[in-house]
Amino acid sequence: MASAAEPKYDIAVKAVGGKLADCPFCHRSLLTLEEKHVPYTKTFIDFANKPQWLLDVNPAGSVPVMKELATGEWIVDSGTIQDYLEEKFPDPPLGTAEDSPQIGLDVLGKFGAFIKSSPEEAAEKEADLVECLRGLDAHLTAHGPFIGGAAPCATDCAVMPRLYHMQVGTKYFRDWEMPAELAALRQYMDTFMSRDSWKNTYYSPEMVIAGWEAHGIKKLVPAQ
């Protein structure tokens, strides 16, 4: 949600049908803006019809890209945007991507491998995902309630969108849920999702599902 104050930035993000869509990297940047209370506006990008100006700014055509309205400077890539905002707006501190705890960032890859796996690979890929989640749960048990401790850090803004994709995608595509014993991780997700930053940057589970379906992921049909 853009602040009522005069916006300082405009950020281009993935959209479908004029609504914020499922890009976890855009979500990372939006959460960072929200947690730092930086006023901004959003420009929605339809991936089926990318504007030429986006390709001029970033030939890869990926988002997010963020423009400082006062200077016209463009900042490209969610990690670069996160570090830029930390330098420009150090209070409240989130830390940079590099100096924040490096844990949980591989959950998207583990989740993706699981939902893409063949029946022969599924048990191995599931075990890899569970191992990743257990490591994050252990960290939160020792250092929580957030990855950074008492307050969110840069890693929280990067990991929570990935966990959301995992939560929605594993349930829909594999009828699978996190093990019940991962209590600290479950509480962490509930706590973060209750924050205004999450509510202001929310997109529906249907957006997540549609995004993965666009990559060819299909719902598992149980054997008869």
Foldseek 3Di string as FASTA:
>chain_A
DFDPPDAFKEKEAEDDPPHGFQDLLQQLLLLLCVVLVHGYHYDYAHPVDGDPVCCVVPVVSDDTWMAGVVPRDIFGTSLRSNVVCCVVRVVVHQDHPVPADDAQLCLLVLLVCQLPDDPVCNVVSVVVNLVRLVVVLVCCVVADLENRHPDHHSVRSNRLSSVVLSQLVCCFQPVDHHDPVSVSVVVSNVVVCVDPSNVVNDDDSVSSVVVVVVVVRHRDDDDD
